């Protein structure tokens, strides 16, 4: 009986941890080399209805190509396409 309880508890902890990881952080501060940009991750997840591949080409996790060119193409491109969100330099890059 104890083994079954331990297995059930381990499964519950694993499931909860997986759900927490998938949710990701509330906000992400991008590297200083990209200028002071704070990215509201959770807000973007809600906007794209958890379709992580909108930004993460392969799957959730770090974006290997993340840099100025990628962000300007992907982020500004999406904001322009949706007619929503910042597209000006000072809108994203705070001093």
C-alpha atoms as a PDB file:
ATOM      1  CA  UNK A   1       0.000   0.000   0.000  1.00  0.00           C
ATOM      2  CA  UNK A   2       2.861   2.377   0.809  1.00  0.00           C
ATOM      3  CA  UNK A   3       4.410   1.722  -2.608  1.00  0.00           C
ATOM      4  CA  UNK A   4       1.184   2.675  -4.370  1.00  0.00           C
ATOM      5  CA  UNK A   5       0.919   5.894  -2.333  1.00  0.00           C
ATOM      6  CA  UNK A   6       4.536   6.753  -3.121  1.00  0.00           C
ATOM      7  CA  UNK A   7       3.982   6.152  -6.846  1.00  0.00           C
ATOM      8  CA  UNK A   8       0.827   8.274  -6.850  1.00  0.00           C
ATOM      9  CA  UNK A   9       2.609  11.058  -4.943  1.00  0.00           C
ATOM     10  CA  UNK A  10       5.585  10.951  -7.311  1.00  0.00           C
ATOM     11  CA  UNK A  11       3.252  11.115 -10.312  1.00  0.00           C
ATOM     12  CA  UNK A  12       1.413  14.113  -8.836  1.00  0.00           C
ATOM     13  CA  UNK A  13       4.660  15.982  -8.149  1.00  0.00           C
ATOM     14  CA  UNK A  14       5.941  15.236 -11.669  1.00  0.00           C
ATOM     15  CA  UNK A  15       2.701  16.386 -13.275  1.00  0.00           C
ATOM     16  CA  UNK A  16       2.665  19.597 -11.223  1.00  0.00           C
ATOM     17  CA  UNK A  17       6.322  20.327 -12.019  1.00  0.00           C
ATOM     18  CA  UNK A  18       5.689  19.766 -15.728  1.00  0.00           C
ATOM     19  CA  UNK A  19       2.738  22.142 -15.720  1.00  0.00           C
ATOM     20  CA  UNK A  20       4.763  24.786 -13.898  1.00  0.00           C
ATOM     21  CA  UNK A  21       7.656  24.459 -16.333  1.00  0.00           C
ATOM     22  CA  UNK A  22       5.357  24.717 -19.341  1.00  0.00           C
ATOM     23  CA  UNK A  23       3.812  27.895 -17.990  1.00  0.00           C
ATOM     24  CA  UNK A  24       7.194  29.585 -18.058  1.00  0.00           C
ATOM     25  CA  UNK A  25       8.168  32.738 -16.240  1.00  0.00           C
ATOM     26  CA  UNK A  26       5.916  35.769 -15.838  1.00  0.00           C
ATOM     27  CA  UNK A  27       8.449  38.076 -17.504  1.00  0.00           C
ATOM     28  CA  UNK A  28      11.900  37.663 -19.043  1.00  0.00           C
ATOM     29  CA  UNK A  29      14.671  40.258 -19.015  1.00  0.00           C
ATOM     30  CA  UNK A  30      16.572  39.856 -22.270  1.00  0.00           C
ATOM     31  CA  UNK A  31      20.375  40.037 -22.359  1.00  0.00           C
ATOM     32  CA  UNK A  32      21.966  43.471 -21.893  1.00  0.00           C
ATOM     33  CA  UNK A  33      23.455  43.164 -25.375  1.00  0.00           C
ATOM     34  CA  UNK A  34      19.891  43.516 -26.716  1.00  0.00           C
ATOM     35  CA  UNK A  35      19.252  46.703 -24.760  1.00  0.00           C
ATOM     36  CA  UNK A  36      17.056  46.813 -21.684  1.00  0.00           C
ATOM     37  CA  UNK A  37      14.090  44.788 -22.881  1.00  0.00           C
ATOM     38  CA  UNK A  38      11.684  43.146 -20.463  1.00  0.00           C
ATOM     39  CA  UNK A  39       9.545  40.599 -22.276  1.00  0.00           C
ATOM     40  CA  UNK A  40       6.124  39.812 -20.711  1.00  0.00           C
ATOM     41  CA  UNK A  41       6.212  36.062 -21.447  1.00  0.00           C
ATOM     42  CA  UNK A  42       2.937  35.088 -19.781  1.00  0.00           C
ATOM     43  CA  UNK A  43       1.035  37.853 -21.596  1.00  0.00           C
ATOM     44  CA  UNK A  44       2.384  36.629 -24.940  1.00  0.00           C
ATOM     45  CA  UNK A  45       1.443  33.029 -24.118  1.00  0.00           C
ATOM     46  CA  UNK A  46      -2.125  34.155 -23.495  1.00  0.00           C
ATOM     47  CA  UNK A  47      -2.207  36.159 -26.747  1.00  0.00           C
ATOM     48  CA  UNK A  48      -1.040  33.255 -28.917  1.00  0.00           C
ATOM     49  CA  UNK A  49      -3.225  30.821 -26.965  1.00  0.00           C
ATOM     50  CA  UNK A  50      -0.283  28.687 -25.802  1.00  0.00           C
ATOM     51  CA  UNK A  51       0.928  28.108 -29.388  1.00  0.00           C
ATOM     52  CA  UNK A  52       4.587  28.148 -28.337  1.00  0.00           C
ATOM     53  CA  UNK A  53       5.783  27.506 -31.886  1.00  0.00           C
ATOM     54  CA  UNK A  54       4.811  31.058 -32.822  1.00  0.00           C
ATOM     55  CA  UNK A  55       8.119  32.088 -31.215  1.00  0.00           C
ATOM     56  CA  UNK A  56       9.830  28.795 -30.372  1.00  0.00           C
ATOM     57  CA  UNK A  57      10.366  27.146 -33.754  1.00  0.00           C
ATOM     58  CA  UNK A  58      10.932  23.614 -32.449  1.00  0.00           C
ATOM     59  CA  UNK A  59       9.377  23.479 -28.983  1.00  0.00           C
ATOM     60  CA  UNK A  60       9.297  25.401 -25.698  1.00  0.00           C
ATOM     61  CA  UNK A  61      12.731  26.253 -24.357  1.00  0.00           C
ATOM     62  CA  UNK A  62      15.483  28.719 -25.078  1.00  0.00           C
ATOM     63  CA  UNK A  63      15.463  30.338 -28.500  1.00  0.00           C
ATOM     64  CA  UNK A  64      18.857  29.539 -30.021  1.00  0.00           C
ATOM     65  CA  UNK A  65      18.680  32.311 -32.627  1.00  0.00           C
ATOM     66  CA  UNK A  66      17.594  34.972 -30.115  1.00  0.00           C
ATOM     67  CA  UNK A  67      19.351  38.199 -30.957  1.00  0.00           C
ATOM     68  CA  UNK A  68      18.689  41.621 -32.455  1.00  0.00           C
ATOM     69  CA  UNK A  69      17.936  40.415 -35.983  1.00  0.00           C
ATOM     70  CA  UNK A  70      15.700  37.565 -34.818  1.00  0.00           C
ATOM     71  CA  UNK A  71      13.789  39.766 -32.367  1.00  0.00           C
ATOM     72  CA  UNK A  72      13.280  42.580 -34.843  1.00  0.00           C
ATOM     73  CA  UNK A  73      12.048  40.158 -37.509  1.00  0.00           C
ATOM     74  CA  UNK A  74       9.922  37.958 -35.245  1.00  0.00           C
ATOM     75  CA  UNK A  75       8.661  40.355 -32.594  1.00  0.00           C
ATOM     76  CA  UNK A  76       8.209  43.490 -34.677  1.00  0.00           C
ATOM     77  CA  UNK A  77       6.892  41.369 -37.531  1.00  0.00           C
ATOM     78  CA  UNK A  78       4.198  39.839 -35.365  1.00  0.00           C
ATOM     79  CA  UNK A  79       3.299  43.185 -33.793  1.00  0.00           C
ATOM     80  CA  UNK A  80       2.999  44.769 -37.234  1.00  0.00           C
ATOM     81  CA  UNK A  81       0.961  41.852 -38.584  1.00  0.00           C
ATOM     82  CA  UNK A  82      -1.416  41.868 -35.613  1.00  0.00           C
ATOM     83  CA  UNK A  83      -1.511  45.682 -35.505  1.00  0.00           C
ATOM     84  CA  UNK A  84      -0.923  45.329 -31.788  1.00  0.00           C
ATOM     85  CA  UNK A  85       2.127  45.813 -29.609  1.00  0.00           C
ATOM     86  CA  UNK A  86       5.196  48.023 -29.706  1.00  0.00           C
ATOM     87  CA  UNK A  87       7.191  48.533 -32.903  1.00  0.00           C
ATOM     88  CA  UNK A  88       9.216  51.641 -32.033  1.00  0.00           C
ATOM     89  CA  UNK A  89      12.721  51.407 -30.554  1.00  0.00           C
ATOM     90  CA  UNK A  90      11.859  53.193 -27.287  1.00  0.00           C
ATOM     91  CA  UNK A  91       8.702  51.121 -26.871  1.00  0.00           C
ATOM     92  CA  UNK A  92      10.785  48.001 -26.158  1.00  0.00           C
ATOM     93  CA  UNK A  93      14.247  49.302 -25.266  1.00  0.00           C
ATOM     94  CA  UNK A  94      13.975  51.145 -21.943  1.00  0.00           C
ATOM     95  CA  UNK A  95      16.832  53.243 -20.624  1.00  0.00           C
END
